[in-house]
């Protein structure tokens, strides 16, 4: 969370896990919803956290692809959340807790508006994400974009289901179209997640491995020569700072140790310190 480039990914993961939790995967849905009044508010929370996960995931992809924020529409998906809350409040007879909460109340306009806003917001976010990557969709990013398009198609199917079921007598057709939502959504999400994880790790792991080795070596050196008169201080710096900041701080502490004790490290240690300093300066 201390690294700006990774913060959006962590937030997306946290909100995504909470959204999965509110589905009743770990704790029974009845138990979760009972703490919220037993009126299916867990369904609302699941939708909100899912939207937030997709939003921050979108921001994470934008940062990795070095795409700037160009217009207010980037934050437009967040406007769907208060609309969903208002529509949810207008749904009649929201209890008792049920996994089929939406389907059983699709005859109400408020329910159709609630689900429609949710799907429309998801669709807008996914399409905007795909459009944002239109000039960079090569290799793994192309696979990622294909997965996003499947998710967009799933949202479009669910929107068609809502419109046909509520506003027309073609309920069977609506159910047939709506049945494709979960198939397309989870296949698209799986493709997207796999390609994104591969892409993210391919960019981050070499950098993390290099800096982690340096940080561990410097921390060990500080502990061995006791630069801070406390063997816990170097360990605290290692866990409390980002890798680059921790390396920078360790270099300062080691140079201060040399000046304070009017000594120098062995030539091999000095050479390694110089290499680390050069890499750090090139990074900055």
Foldseek 3Di string as FASTA:
>chain_A
DPDPLCVLVVLLVVLQVLLVVLLCPPHRVQVVCVVVVQLQVSVLSSLLSNLSSLLSVLVSVCSVVVNDDDDPVSCVLVVLSVLLVVLSVPQPRSDHDDSCSLVVRLQDPSSLSNLLSSLVSLLSSLVVSLVSCVVPLDDLNVLLNVLSVLLNQLSVLLNQLSCCCHPHPPNVVSVVSNVCNVVSNVVSVVSNVVSVVVVVCVVPVVVCVVLVVLLVVLLVVCLVVVLPVDNVVSVCLSVVDDSLVSNVVSLVSVVVSCVVVVHDDDPVVVVVSVVVVVVSVVVD
